[in-house]
Amino acid sequence: MPENQPSILVTGGAGYIGAHTCKALAKSGYRPVAFDNLSVGHRDFVRWGPFIEGDIGSTAAVRTACQEHGVVAVIHFAAHALVAESVAEPSKYYRNNVGGTLALLEDLQQAGVNTIVMSSSCAVYGVPDKQPIDEDAMPNPINPYGASKLMGERILADYGKAYGLSWSALRYFNACGADPDAEVGESRAVETHLIPRLMMCAQGHLQSISIFGTDYPTEDGTAVRDYIHVSDLADAHVLALRQLMSGGTGGVFNLGTGRGHTVKEVLTEVERVTGANIGVRFEDRRPGDPPVLIADARRAKERFGFSASRSDLKTIVQTAWAWHQKAHPRRGPILRS
């Protein structure tokens, strides 16, 4: 990789979205420098640039990395991201997601790096009163994870006003799918997300999956979510970064498709693509789960040209399935006759 390419530090660069973004950066002429403590990331996901094992909360670790690699900007993914865990262990989330972001920004100031794109979440909205959700909707997070992301956005805004930090925060909806080349995908020690759990059922790694809530005011009674392909998210981070580096105005931006799918629709598509009969347990709604979450992402399209070109449900499921077949051998699912 040519040394004259601009170096971008990617915190959490060995994680699911971080690794996809490193690949997108490399394709776009940047040199991604993955910085990750490997608490949930994967060393073998780092394939498109240097790797530094470290923690954003460690004294001077980020500053040293920036100086050694000539970093000109940062994309910040490093954060805990499990809603239920954040409710059970809020201190863990505020310490890492808020305290870690503060430590990161202090190191960046000392290293002279003044541009950052931060991974945020639609969890900042809580249970919104209108759909689709635009960025002018009042944030009202209902769990510590969402609150920690909203506080991170506030910190960036305050640093922008006080210190001239150039920043954007990308609020994305349901990230899913896998790299079309099946090089990286969605893999966690404890998996809570719908599509990878369905894949695990299709492969025989799980016996069944729970669907929470069948009495929502939706087409089939199950919750509706806006599913966005991880490669579209990765491209959006590159576009947002490029806009800032060219002197453009940042801010908060939704990333989604503007359309939703019910949980049952996702289940049907996974069964169609994999050919598996997936065991389902229907359970009561979980407290705080909104019936519908759909993004209004027009601001990102207008400001930096974002387009969710791979985020149709068929492509999402096909790419996820291709990667899961490559990464995790089957254990003999029950196939349809």
C-alpha atoms as a PDB file:
ATOM      1  CA  MET A   1       0.000   0.000   0.000  1.00  0.00           C
ATOM      2  CA  PRO A   2       1.533   3.337  -1.028  1.00  0.00           C
ATOM      3  CA  GLU A   3       2.797   5.376   1.927  1.00  0.00           C
ATOM      4  CA  ASN A   4       1.579   8.659   0.395  1.00  0.00           C
ATOM      5  CA  GLN A   5      -2.088   7.745   0.874  1.00  0.00           C
ATOM      6  CA  PRO A   6      -3.778   9.766   3.665  1.00  0.00           C
ATOM      7  CA  SER A   7      -3.793   7.713   6.874  1.00  0.00           C
ATOM      8  CA  ILE A   8      -7.144   7.405   8.671  1.00  0.00           C
ATOM      9  CA  LEU A   9      -7.241   5.999  12.197  1.00  0.00           C
ATOM     10  CA  VAL A  10     -10.227   3.657  12.585  1.00  0.00           C
ATOM     11  CA  THR A  11     -11.001   2.951  16.242  1.00  0.00           C
ATOM     12  CA  GLY A  12     -12.800  -0.368  16.490  1.00  0.00           C
ATOM     13  CA  GLY A  13     -11.310  -1.190  13.093  1.00  0.00           C
ATOM     14  CA  ALA A  14     -11.315  -4.939  13.762  1.00  0.00           C
ATOM     15  CA  GLY A  15     -15.060  -4.990  14.387  1.00  0.00           C
ATOM     16  CA  TYR A  16     -18.001  -5.672  12.088  1.00  0.00           C
ATOM     17  CA  ILE A  17     -18.664  -2.202  10.687  1.00  0.00           C
ATOM     18  CA  GLY A  18     -15.113  -0.987  11.309  1.00  0.00           C
ATOM     19  CA  ALA A  19     -13.554  -3.713   9.156  1.00  0.00           C
ATOM     20  CA  HIS A  20     -15.971  -3.066   6.300  1.00  0.00           C
ATOM     21  CA  THR A  21     -15.127   0.632   6.534  1.00  0.00           C
ATOM     22  CA  CYS A  22     -11.388  -0.103   6.418  1.00  0.00           C
ATOM     23  CA  LYS A  23     -11.973  -1.959   3.152  1.00  0.00           C
ATOM     24  CA  ALA A  24     -14.028   0.951   1.775  1.00  0.00           C
ATOM     25  CA  LEU A  25     -11.325   3.426   2.792  1.00  0.00           C
ATOM     26  CA  ALA A  26      -8.630   1.394   1.048  1.00  0.00           C
ATOM     27  CA  LYS A  27     -10.728   1.215  -2.131  1.00  0.00           C
ATOM     28  CA  SER A  28     -11.160   5.001  -1.987  1.00  0.00           C
ATOM     29  CA  GLY A  29      -7.452   5.820  -1.820  1.00  0.00           C
ATOM     30  CA  TYR A  30      -6.953   6.077   1.952  1.00  0.00           C
ATOM     31  CA  ARG A  31      -4.682   4.105   4.277  1.00  0.00           C
ATOM     32  CA  PRO A  32      -6.808   2.727   7.128  1.00  0.00           C
ATOM     33  CA  VAL A  33      -4.979   2.229  10.423  1.00  0.00           C
ATOM     34  CA  ALA A  34      -7.087  -0.129  12.527  1.00  0.00           C
ATOM     35  CA  PHE A  35      -6.942   0.546  16.265  1.00  0.00           C
ATOM     36  CA  ASP A  36      -8.742  -2.056  18.404  1.00  0.00           C
ATOM     37  CA  ASN A  37      -8.404  -3.726  21.794  1.00  0.00           C
ATOM     38  CA  LEU A  38      -9.891  -6.959  20.345  1.00  0.00           C
ATOM     39  CA  SER A  39     -12.458  -7.221  23.148  1.00  0.00           C
ATOM     40  CA  VAL A  40     -15.079  -7.947  20.485  1.00  0.00           C
ATOM     41  CA  GLY A  41     -13.113  -7.379  17.271  1.00  0.00           C
ATOM     42  CA  HIS A  42     -11.225  -9.965  15.229  1.00  0.00           C
ATOM     43  CA  ARG A  43      -7.550  -9.758  14.325  1.00  0.00           C
ATOM     44  CA  ASP A  44      -8.168 -11.577  11.045  1.00  0.00           C
ATOM     45  CA  PHE A  45     -10.637  -8.842   9.980  1.00  0.00           C
ATOM     46  CA  VAL A  46      -7.713  -6.408   9.609  1.00  0.00           C
ATOM     47  CA  ARG A  47      -6.612  -6.818   5.984  1.00  0.00           C
ATOM     48  CA  TRP A  48      -6.357  -3.384   4.394  1.00  0.00           C
ATOM     49  CA  GLY A  49      -3.761  -1.544   6.441  1.00  0.00           C
ATOM     50  CA  PRO A  50      -1.716  -1.527   9.656  1.00  0.00           C
ATOM     51  CA  PHE A  51      -3.105  -2.825  12.941  1.00  0.00           C
ATOM     52  CA  ILE A  52      -2.500  -1.379  16.404  1.00  0.00           C
ATOM     53  CA  GLU A  53      -3.778  -3.291  19.396  1.00  0.00           C
ATOM     54  CA  GLY A  54      -4.722  -0.715  21.987  1.00  0.00           C
ATOM     55  CA  ASP A  55      -7.482   0.905  23.998  1.00  0.00           C
ATOM     56  CA  ILE A  56      -8.797   4.412  23.387  1.00  0.00           C
ATOM     57  CA  GLY A  57      -8.864   4.981  27.142  1.00  0.00           C
ATOM     58  CA  SER A  58      -5.151   4.244  27.560  1.00  0.00           C
ATOM     59  CA  THR A  59      -2.959   7.255  28.164  1.00  0.00           C
ATOM     60  CA  ALA A  60      -1.280   8.495  24.978  1.00  0.00           C
ATOM     61  CA  ALA A  61      -2.049   5.316  22.977  1.00  0.00           C
ATOM     62  CA  VAL A  62      -4.045   7.142  20.310  1.00  0.00           C
ATOM     63  CA  ARG A  63      -1.656  10.093  20.212  1.00  0.00           C
ATOM     64  CA  THR A  64       1.292   7.781  19.626  1.00  0.00           C
ATOM     65  CA  ALA A  65      -0.568   5.926  16.870  1.00  0.00           C
ATOM     66  CA  CYS A  66      -1.454   9.196  15.145  1.00  0.00           C
ATOM     67  CA  GLN A  67       2.107  10.447  15.263  1.00  0.00           C
ATOM     68  CA  GLU A  68       3.699   7.197  14.102  1.00  0.00           C
ATOM     69  CA  HIS A  69       1.337   6.793  11.141  1.00  0.00           C
ATOM     70  CA  GLY A  70       0.799  10.412  10.131  1.00  0.00           C
ATOM     71  CA  VAL A  71      -2.942  10.213  10.788  1.00  0.00           C
ATOM     72  CA  VAL A  72      -4.991  13.077   9.300  1.00  0.00           C
ATOM     73  CA  ALA A  73      -8.495  12.074  10.494  1.00  0.00           C
ATOM     74  CA  VAL A  74     -10.357   9.508  12.597  1.00  0.00           C
ATOM     75  CA  ILE A  75     -13.419   7.317  12.154  1.00  0.00           C
ATOM     76  CA  HIS A  76     -14.577   6.330  15.619  1.00  0.00           C
ATOM     77  CA  PHE A  77     -16.394   3.008  16.102  1.00  0.00           C
ATOM     78  CA  ALA A  78     -14.912   1.828  19.416  1.00  0.00           C
ATOM     79  CA  ALA A  79     -17.879   1.418  21.770  1.00  0.00           C
ATOM     80  CA  HIS A  80     -19.999  -1.127  23.579  1.00  0.00           C
ATOM     81  CA  ALA A  81     -23.264  -1.620  21.712  1.00  0.00           C
ATOM     82  CA  LEU A  82     -25.651  -4.050  23.443  1.00  0.00           C
ATOM     83  CA  VAL A  83     -28.840  -2.397  24.646  1.00  0.00           C
ATOM     84  CA  ALA A  84     -29.777  -5.006  27.257  1.00  0.00           C
ATOM     85  CA  GLU A  85     -26.260  -5.067  28.662  1.00  0.00           C
ATOM     86  CA  SER A  86     -26.259  -1.288  28.909  1.00  0.00           C
ATOM     87  CA  VAL A  87     -29.353  -1.467  31.129  1.00  0.00           C
ATOM     88  CA  ALA A  88     -27.723  -4.078  33.370  1.00  0.00           C
ATOM     89  CA  GLU A  89     -24.278  -2.430  33.404  1.00  0.00           C
ATOM     90  CA  PRO A  90     -24.647   1.301  32.720  1.00  0.00           C
ATOM     91  CA  SER A  91     -21.283   2.116  34.293  1.00  0.00           C
ATOM     92  CA  LYS A  92     -19.541  -0.013  31.649  1.00  0.00           C
ATOM     93  CA  TYR A  93     -21.260   1.945  28.873  1.00  0.00           C
ATOM     94  CA  TYR A  94     -20.703   5.421  30.240  1.00  0.00           C
ATOM     95  CA  ARG A  95     -17.093   4.632  31.113  1.00  0.00           C
ATOM     96  CA  ASN A  96     -16.265   3.281  27.664  1.00  0.00           C
ATOM     97  CA  ASN A  97     -18.592   5.088  25.279  1.00  0.00           C
ATOM     98  CA  VAL A  98     -18.447   8.508  26.945  1.00  0.00           C
ATOM     99  CA  GLY A  99     -15.174   8.367  28.869  1.00  0.00           C
ATOM    100  CA  GLY A 100     -13.407   6.642  25.981  1.00  0.00           C
ATOM    101  CA  THR A 101     -14.598   9.271  23.520  1.00  0.00           C
ATOM    102  CA  LEU A 102     -13.323  12.039  25.801  1.00  0.00           C
ATOM    103  CA  ALA A 103      -9.941  10.322  26.127  1.00  0.00           C
ATOM    104  CA  LEU A 104      -9.812   9.878  22.357  1.00  0.00           C
ATOM    105  CA  LEU A 105     -10.505  13.559  21.716  1.00  0.00           C
ATOM    106  CA  GLU A 106      -7.845  14.630  24.232  1.00  0.00           C
ATOM    107  CA  ASP A 107      -5.265  12.490  22.432  1.00  0.00           C
ATOM    108  CA  LEU A 108      -6.368  13.811  19.045  1.00  0.00           C
ATOM    109  CA  GLN A 109      -5.992  17.409  20.236  1.00  0.00           C
ATOM    110  CA  GLN A 110      -2.465  16.707  21.392  1.00  0.00           C
ATOM    111  CA  ALA A 111      -1.650  14.963  18.108  1.00  0.00           C
ATOM    112  CA  GLY A 112      -3.058  17.851  16.060  1.00  0.00           C
ATOM    113  CA  VAL A 113      -5.807  15.756  14.439  1.00  0.00           C
ATOM    114  CA  ASN A 114      -8.941  17.843  14.022  1.00  0.00           C
ATOM    115  CA  THR A 115     -11.351  15.743  11.936  1.00  0.00           C
ATOM    116  CA  ILE A 116     -13.562  12.909  13.173  1.00  0.00           C
ATOM    117  CA  VAL A 117     -16.566  10.886  11.997  1.00  0.00           C
ATOM    118  CA  MET A 118     -18.292   9.077  14.869  1.00  0.00           C
ATOM    119  CA  SER A 119     -20.522   6.037  14.782  1.00  0.00           C
ATOM    120  CA  SER A 120     -23.817   6.921  16.457  1.00  0.00           C
ATOM    121  CA  SER A 121     -27.210   5.205  16.477  1.00  0.00           C
ATOM    122  CA  CYS A 122     -30.936   5.601  16.021  1.00  0.00           C
ATOM    123  CA  ALA A 123     -31.083   4.576  19.697  1.00  0.00           C
ATOM    124  CA  VAL A 124     -30.682   8.285  20.487  1.00  0.00           C
ATOM    125  CA  TYR A 125     -34.318   8.786  19.402  1.00  0.00           C
ATOM    126  CA  GLY A 126     -35.871   6.337  21.851  1.00  0.00           C
ATOM    127  CA  VAL A 127     -39.530   5.760  20.937  1.00  0.00           C
ATOM    128  CA  PRO A 128     -40.265   8.459  18.351  1.00  0.00           C
ATOM    129  CA  ASP A 129     -43.740   9.826  17.732  1.00  0.00           C
ATOM    130  CA  LYS A 130     -43.433  10.002  13.955  1.00  0.00           C
ATOM    131  CA  GLN A 131     -42.119   7.901  11.070  1.00  0.00           C
ATOM    132  CA  PRO A 132     -39.874   8.137   9.131  1.00  0.00           C
ATOM    133  CA  ILE A 133     -37.526   9.780  11.649  1.00  0.00           C
ATOM    134  CA  ASP A 134     -35.535  12.807  10.543  1.00  0.00           C
ATOM    135  CA  GLU A 135     -32.649  14.446  12.369  1.00  0.00           C
ATOM    136  CA  ASP A 136     -34.899  17.185  13.756  1.00  0.00           C
ATOM    137  CA  ALA A 137     -36.826  14.660  15.867  1.00  0.00           C
ATOM    138  CA  MET A 138     -36.218  15.264  19.569  1.00  0.00           C
ATOM    139  CA  PRO A 139     -33.682  12.757  20.943  1.00  0.00           C
ATOM    140  CA  ASN A 140     -35.048  10.837  23.920  1.00  0.00           C
ATOM    141  CA  PRO A 141     -32.978   7.691  24.533  1.00  0.00           C
ATOM    142  CA  ILE A 142     -34.584   5.057  26.721  1.00  0.00           C
ATOM    143  CA  ASN A 143     -31.463   3.058  27.627  1.00  0.00           C
ATOM    144  CA  PRO A 144     -27.858   3.827  28.652  1.00  0.00           C
ATOM    145  CA  TYR A 145     -26.508   2.771  25.257  1.00  0.00           C
ATOM    146  CA  GLY A 146     -28.598   5.374  23.428  1.00  0.00           C
ATOM    147  CA  ALA A 147     -27.832   7.951  26.102  1.00  0.00           C
ATOM    148  CA  SER A 148     -24.101   7.319  25.782  1.00  0.00           C
ATOM    149  CA  LYS A 149     -24.257   7.861  22.027  1.00  0.00           C
ATOM    150  CA  LEU A 150     -26.230  11.075  22.426  1.00  0.00           C
ATOM    151  CA  MET A 151     -23.683  12.334  24.970  1.00  0.00           C
ATOM    152  CA  GLY A 152     -20.911  11.513  22.486  1.00  0.00           C
ATOM    153  CA  GLU A 153     -22.648  13.669  19.897  1.00  0.00           C
ATOM    154  CA  ARG A 154     -22.975  16.497  22.417  1.00  0.00           C
ATOM    155  CA  ILE A 155     -19.275  16.271  23.238  1.00  0.00           C
ATOM    156  CA  LEU A 156     -18.363  16.519  19.550  1.00  0.00           C
ATOM    157  CA  ALA A 157     -20.632  19.538  19.105  1.00  0.00           C
ATOM    158  CA  ASP A 158     -19.125  21.282  22.127  1.00  0.00           C
ATOM    159  CA  TYR A 159     -15.575  20.532  20.956  1.00  0.00           C
ATOM    160  CA  GLY A 160     -16.531  21.891  17.549  1.00  0.00           C
ATOM    161  CA  LYS A 161     -17.662  25.187  19.041  1.00  0.00           C
ATOM    162  CA  ALA A 162     -14.830  25.536  21.539  1.00  0.00           C
ATOM    163  CA  TYR A 163     -11.869  24.052  19.684  1.00  0.00           C
ATOM    164  CA  GLY A 164     -12.851  24.075  16.018  1.00  0.00           C
ATOM    165  CA  LEU A 165     -13.196  20.294  15.770  1.00  0.00           C
ATOM    166  CA  SER A 166     -14.544  19.212  12.372  1.00  0.00           C
ATOM    167  CA  TRP A 167     -17.025  16.404  13.055  1.00  0.00           C
ATOM    168  CA  SER A 168     -19.966  14.341  11.925  1.00  0.00           C
ATOM    169  CA  ALA A 169     -21.997  11.718  13.795  1.00  0.00           C
ATOM    170  CA  LEU A 170     -23.785   9.071  11.754  1.00  0.00           C
ATOM    171  CA  ARG A 171     -26.983   7.730  13.293  1.00  0.00           C
ATOM    172  CA  TYR A 172     -27.591   4.421  11.626  1.00  0.00           C
ATOM    173  CA  PHE A 173     -30.467   2.070  11.855  1.00  0.00           C
ATOM    174  CA  ASN A 174     -30.213  -1.748  11.600  1.00  0.00           C
ATOM    175  CA  ALA A 175     -26.791  -2.646  10.208  1.00  0.00           C
ATOM    176  CA  CYS A 176     -26.775  -6.042   8.509  1.00  0.00           C
ATOM    177  CA  GLY A 177     -25.445  -8.107   5.630  1.00  0.00           C
ATOM    178  CA  ALA A 178     -21.819  -8.873   4.831  1.00  0.00           C
ATOM    179  CA  ASP A 179     -19.042  -7.921   2.463  1.00  0.00           C
ATOM    180  CA  PRO A 180     -20.086  -8.982  -1.088  1.00  0.00           C
ATOM    181  CA  ASP A 181     -16.687 -10.691  -1.450  1.00  0.00           C
ATOM    182  CA  ALA A 182     -17.336 -12.643   1.793  1.00  0.00           C
ATOM    183  CA  GLU A 183     -14.057 -11.426   3.283  1.00  0.00           C
ATOM    184  CA  VAL A 184     -15.615 -10.128   6.515  1.00  0.00           C
ATOM    185  CA  GLY A 185     -19.025 -10.413   8.110  1.00  0.00           C
ATOM    186  CA  GLU A 186     -21.047 -10.265  11.302  1.00  0.00           C
ATOM    187  CA  SER A 187     -19.514 -12.377  14.062  1.00  0.00           C
ATOM    188  CA  ARG A 188     -19.819 -11.945  17.833  1.00  0.00           C
ATOM    189  CA  ALA A 189     -19.176 -14.185  20.824  1.00  0.00           C
ATOM    190  CA  VAL A 190     -22.713 -13.451  22.014  1.00  0.00           C
ATOM    191  CA  GLU A 191     -24.988 -12.794  19.035  1.00  0.00           C
ATOM    192  CA  THR A 192     -28.183 -10.817  19.580  1.00  0.00           C
ATOM    193  CA  HIS A 193     -28.976  -9.492  16.095  1.00  0.00           C
ATOM    194  CA  LEU A 194     -31.819 -10.955  14.071  1.00  0.00           C
ATOM    195  CA  ILE A 195     -30.218 -11.881  10.744  1.00  0.00           C
ATOM    196  CA  PRO A 196     -27.070 -13.597  12.056  1.00  0.00           C
ATOM    197  CA  ARG A 197     -29.190 -15.527  14.565  1.00  0.00           C
ATOM    198  CA  LEU A 198     -31.421 -16.669  11.707  1.00  0.00           C
ATOM    199  CA  MET A 199     -28.278 -17.756   9.837  1.00  0.00           C
ATOM    200  CA  MET A 200     -27.151 -19.699  12.897  1.00  0.00           C
ATOM    201  CA  CYS A 201     -30.522 -21.488  12.918  1.00  0.00           C
ATOM    202  CA  ALA A 202     -30.249 -22.243   9.203  1.00  0.00           C
ATOM    203  CA  GLN A 203     -26.819 -23.806   9.811  1.00  0.00           C
ATOM    204  CA  GLY A 204     -27.932 -25.829  12.801  1.00  0.00           C
ATOM    205  CA  HIS A 205     -25.960 -23.845  15.388  1.00  0.00           C
ATOM    206  CA  LEU A 206     -29.221 -22.795  17.088  1.00  0.00           C
ATOM    207  CA  GLN A 207     -32.392 -24.860  17.447  1.00  0.00           C
ATOM    208  CA  SER A 208     -34.775 -21.921  17.236  1.00  0.00           C
ATOM    209  CA  ILE A 209     -35.092 -18.161  17.478  1.00  0.00           C
ATOM    210  CA  SER A 210     -37.430 -15.953  19.498  1.00  0.00           C
ATOM    211  CA  ILE A 211     -39.599 -13.321  17.838  1.00  0.00           C
ATOM    212  CA  PHE A 212     -40.704 -10.745  20.375  1.00  0.00           C
ATOM    213  CA  GLY A 213     -44.149  -9.311  19.756  1.00  0.00           C
ATOM    214  CA  THR A 214     -46.767 -10.402  17.229  1.00  0.00           C
ATOM    215  CA  ASP A 215     -49.443  -7.829  18.089  1.00  0.00           C
ATOM    216  CA  TYR A 216     -47.822  -4.625  16.864  1.00  0.00           C
ATOM    217  CA  PRO A 217     -49.947  -2.349  14.625  1.00  0.00           C
ATOM    218  CA  THR A 218     -48.015  -3.474  11.534  1.00  0.00           C
ATOM    219  CA  GLU A 219     -48.821  -5.510   8.444  1.00  0.00           C
ATOM    220  CA  ASP A 220     -48.220  -8.890  10.091  1.00  0.00           C
ATOM    221  CA  GLY A 221     -48.026  -7.927  13.762  1.00  0.00           C
ATOM    222  CA  THR A 222     -44.232  -8.035  14.063  1.00  0.00           C
ATOM    223  CA  ALA A 223     -41.950  -5.037  14.482  1.00  0.00           C
ATOM    224  CA  VAL A 224     -40.757  -3.069  11.447  1.00  0.00           C
ATOM    225  CA  ARG A 225     -37.129  -2.002  11.130  1.00  0.00           C
ATOM    226  CA  ASP A 226     -35.032  -0.179   8.536  1.00  0.00           C
ATOM    227  CA  TYR A 227     -32.277  -2.619   7.499  1.00  0.00           C
ATOM    228  CA  ILE A 228     -29.166  -1.095   5.904  1.00  0.00           C
ATOM    229  CA  HIS A 229     -26.352  -3.091   4.354  1.00  0.00           C
ATOM    230  CA  VAL A 230     -23.047  -2.790   6.175  1.00  0.00           C
ATOM    231  CA  SER A 231     -21.199  -1.982   2.939  1.00  0.00           C
ATOM    232  CA  ASP A 232     -23.545   0.965   2.361  1.00  0.00           C
ATOM    233  CA  LEU A 233     -22.740   2.119   5.890  1.00  0.00           C
ATOM    234  CA  ALA A 234     -19.028   1.781   5.199  1.00  0.00           C
ATOM    235  CA  ASP A 235     -19.316   3.876   2.048  1.00  0.00           C
ATOM    236  CA  ALA A 236     -21.282   6.505   3.978  1.00  0.00           C
ATOM    237  CA  HIS A 237     -18.430   6.904   6.463  1.00  0.00           C
ATOM    238  CA  VAL A 238     -15.993   7.474   3.620  1.00  0.00           C
ATOM    239  CA  LEU A 239     -18.312  10.042   2.019  1.00  0.00           C
ATOM    240  CA  ALA A 240     -18.835  11.860   5.330  1.00  0.00           C
ATOM    241  CA  LEU A 241     -15.096  11.896   5.971  1.00  0.00           C
ATOM    242  CA  ARG A 242     -14.335  13.199   2.495  1.00  0.00           C
ATOM    243  CA  GLN A 243     -16.867  15.993   2.954  1.00  0.00           C
ATOM    244  CA  LEU A 244     -15.225  17.126   6.193  1.00  0.00           C
ATOM    245  CA  MET A 245     -11.719  16.905   4.769  1.00  0.00           C
ATOM    246  CA  SER A 246     -12.743  19.110   1.850  1.00  0.00           C
ATOM    247  CA  GLY A 247     -14.005  21.793   4.246  1.00  0.00           C
ATOM    248  CA  GLY A 248     -17.686  20.845   4.230  1.00  0.00           C
ATOM    249  CA  THR A 249     -20.082  21.243   7.130  1.00  0.00           C
ATOM    250  CA  GLY A 250     -20.659  18.246   9.363  1.00  0.00           C
ATOM    251  CA  GLY A 251     -23.350  17.469  11.925  1.00  0.00           C
ATOM    252  CA  VAL A 252     -25.666  14.552  12.653  1.00  0.00           C
ATOM    253  CA  PHE A 253     -26.948  12.358   9.825  1.00  0.00           C
ATOM    254  CA  ASN A 254     -29.338   9.413   9.678  1.00  0.00           C
ATOM    255  CA  LEU A 255     -28.278   6.408   7.628  1.00  0.00           C
ATOM    256  CA  GLY A 256     -31.048   4.108   6.460  1.00  0.00           C
ATOM    257  CA  THR A 257     -33.129   3.210   3.434  1.00  0.00           C
ATOM    258  CA  GLY A 258     -36.379   5.016   4.175  1.00  0.00           C
ATOM    259  CA  ARG A 259     -38.318   1.748   4.058  1.00  0.00           C
ATOM    260  CA  GLY A 260     -38.930  -1.011   6.573  1.00  0.00           C
ATOM    261  CA  HIS A 261     -39.388  -4.767   6.777  1.00  0.00           C
ATOM    262  CA  THR A 262     -41.202  -6.763   9.415  1.00  0.00           C
ATOM    263  CA  VAL A 263     -39.420  -9.471  11.355  1.00  0.00           C
ATOM    264  CA  LYS A 264     -41.570 -12.089   9.595  1.00  0.00           C
ATOM    265  CA  GLU A 265     -40.542 -10.703   6.198  1.00  0.00           C
ATOM    266  CA  VAL A 266     -36.894 -11.114   7.155  1.00  0.00           C
ATOM    267  CA  LEU A 267     -37.559 -14.659   8.368  1.00  0.00           C
ATOM    268  CA  THR A 268     -39.299 -15.562   5.096  1.00  0.00           C
ATOM    269  CA  GLU A 269     -36.423 -14.203   3.009  1.00  0.00           C
ATOM    270  CA  VAL A 270     -33.808 -16.058   5.065  1.00  0.00           C
ATOM    271  CA  GLU A 271     -35.733 -19.314   4.642  1.00  0.00           C
ATOM    272  CA  ARG A 272     -36.029 -18.660   0.889  1.00  0.00           C
ATOM    273  CA  VAL A 273     -32.297 -17.997   0.438  1.00  0.00           C
ATOM    274  CA  THR A 274     -30.995 -20.743   2.738  1.00  0.00           C
ATOM    275  CA  GLY A 275     -33.596 -23.410   2.018  1.00  0.00           C
ATOM    276  CA  ALA A 276     -33.933 -24.103   5.745  1.00  0.00           C
ATOM    277  CA  ASN A 277     -36.916 -24.514   8.029  1.00  0.00           C
ATOM    278  CA  ILE A 278     -36.171 -22.201  10.937  1.00  0.00           C
ATOM    279  CA  GLY A 279     -37.706 -22.928  14.319  1.00  0.00           C
ATOM    280  CA  VAL A 280     -39.480 -19.897  15.776  1.00  0.00           C
ATOM    281  CA  ARG A 281     -40.783 -19.147  19.254  1.00  0.00           C
ATOM    282  CA  PHE A 282     -43.252 -16.277  19.437  1.00  0.00           C
ATOM    283  CA  GLU A 283     -42.927 -14.350  22.682  1.00  0.00           C
ATOM    284  CA  ASP A 284     -44.312 -11.183  24.268  1.00  0.00           C
ATOM    285  CA  ARG A 285     -43.053  -7.759  23.280  1.00  0.00           C
ATOM    286  CA  ARG A 286     -39.935  -6.504  24.996  1.00  0.00           C
ATOM    287  CA  PRO A 287     -40.429  -3.287  26.995  1.00  0.00           C
ATOM    288  CA  GLY A 288     -39.415  -0.196  25.049  1.00  0.00           C
ATOM    289  CA  ASP A 289     -39.335  -1.797  21.590  1.00  0.00           C
ATOM    290  CA  PRO A 290     -41.047   0.625  19.180  1.00  0.00           C
ATOM    291  CA  PRO A 291     -43.428  -0.899  16.606  1.00  0.00           C
ATOM    292  CA  VAL A 292     -41.668   0.891  13.715  1.00  0.00           C
ATOM    293  CA  LEU A 293     -38.256   2.496  13.192  1.00  0.00           C
ATOM    294  CA  ILE A 294     -37.585   3.915   9.726  1.00  0.00           C
ATOM    295  CA  ALA A 295     -34.976   6.502   8.784  1.00  0.00           C
ATOM    296  CA  ASP A 296     -35.409   9.664   6.812  1.00  0.00           C
ATOM    297  CA  ALA A 297     -31.889   9.828   5.333  1.00  0.00           C
ATOM    298  CA  ARG A 298     -32.410  12.670   2.876  1.00  0.00           C
ATOM    299  CA  ARG A 299     -29.970  14.938   4.685  1.00  0.00           C
ATOM    300  CA  ALA A 300     -27.071  12.513   4.136  1.00  0.00           C
ATOM    301  CA  LYS A 301     -27.988  12.179   0.470  1.00  0.00           C
ATOM    302  CA  GLU A 302     -28.171  15.932  -0.023  1.00  0.00           C
ATOM    303  CA  ARG A 303     -25.061  16.766   1.996  1.00  0.00           C
ATOM    304  CA  PHE A 304     -22.571  14.110   0.892  1.00  0.00           C
ATOM    305  CA  GLY A 305     -24.274  11.908  -1.694  1.00  0.00           C
ATOM    306  CA  PHE A 306     -25.180   8.906   0.439  1.00  0.00           C
ATOM    307  CA  SER A 307     -27.166   6.170  -1.317  1.00  0.00           C
ATOM    308  CA  ALA A 308     -28.214   2.778   0.081  1.00  0.00           C
ATOM    309  CA  SER A 309     -27.535   0.900  -3.150  1.00  0.00           C
ATOM    310  CA  ARG A 310     -27.060  -2.611  -1.668  1.00  0.00           C
ATOM    311  CA  SER A 311     -29.736  -2.513   1.003  1.00  0.00           C
ATOM    312  CA  ASP A 312     -32.578  -4.455  -0.626  1.00  0.00           C
ATOM    313  CA  LEU A 313     -33.510  -7.402   1.583  1.00  0.00           C
ATOM    314  CA  LYS A 314     -32.464 -10.006  -0.988  1.00  0.00           C
ATOM    315  CA  THR A 315     -28.910  -8.661  -1.247  1.00  0.00           C
ATOM    316  CA  ILE A 316     -28.621  -8.285   2.520  1.00  0.00           C
ATOM    317  CA  VAL A 317     -29.606 -11.904   3.146  1.00  0.00           C
ATOM    318  CA  GLN A 318     -27.619 -13.364   0.238  1.00  0.00           C
ATOM    319  CA  THR A 319     -24.383 -11.649   1.279  1.00  0.00           C
ATOM    320  CA  ALA A 320     -24.872 -12.599   4.925  1.00  0.00           C
ATOM    321  CA  TRP A 321     -25.544 -16.214   3.967  1.00  0.00           C
ATOM    322  CA  ALA A 322     -22.493 -16.405   1.684  1.00  0.00           C
ATOM    323  CA  TRP A 323     -20.246 -15.171   4.475  1.00  0.00           C
ATOM    324  CA  HIS A 324     -21.765 -17.416   7.161  1.00  0.00           C
ATOM    325  CA  GLN A 325     -21.366 -20.475   4.936  1.00  0.00           C
ATOM    326  CA  LYS A 326     -17.702 -19.603   4.458  1.00  0.00           C
ATOM    327  CA  ALA A 327     -16.992 -18.690   8.079  1.00  0.00           C
ATOM    328  CA  HIS A 328     -19.067 -21.234   9.994  1.00  0.00           C
ATOM    329  CA  PRO A 329     -19.445 -24.862   8.832  1.00  0.00           C
ATOM    330  CA  ARG A 330     -22.926 -26.356   8.865  1.00  0.00           C
ATOM    331  CA  ARG A 331     -24.124 -28.634  11.602  1.00  0.00           C
ATOM    332  CA  GLY A 332     -27.006 -30.071   9.621  1.00  0.00           C
ATOM    333  CA  PRO A 333     -30.091 -27.866   9.649  1.00  0.00           C
ATOM    334  CA  ILE A 334     -33.520 -29.285   8.858  1.00  0.00           C
ATOM    335  CA  LEU A 335     -34.117 -28.462   5.197  1.00  0.00           C
ATOM    336  CA  ARG A 336     -37.461 -28.038   3.491  1.00  0.00           C
ATOM    337  CA  SER A 337     -38.597 -31.070   1.552  1.00  0.00           C
END
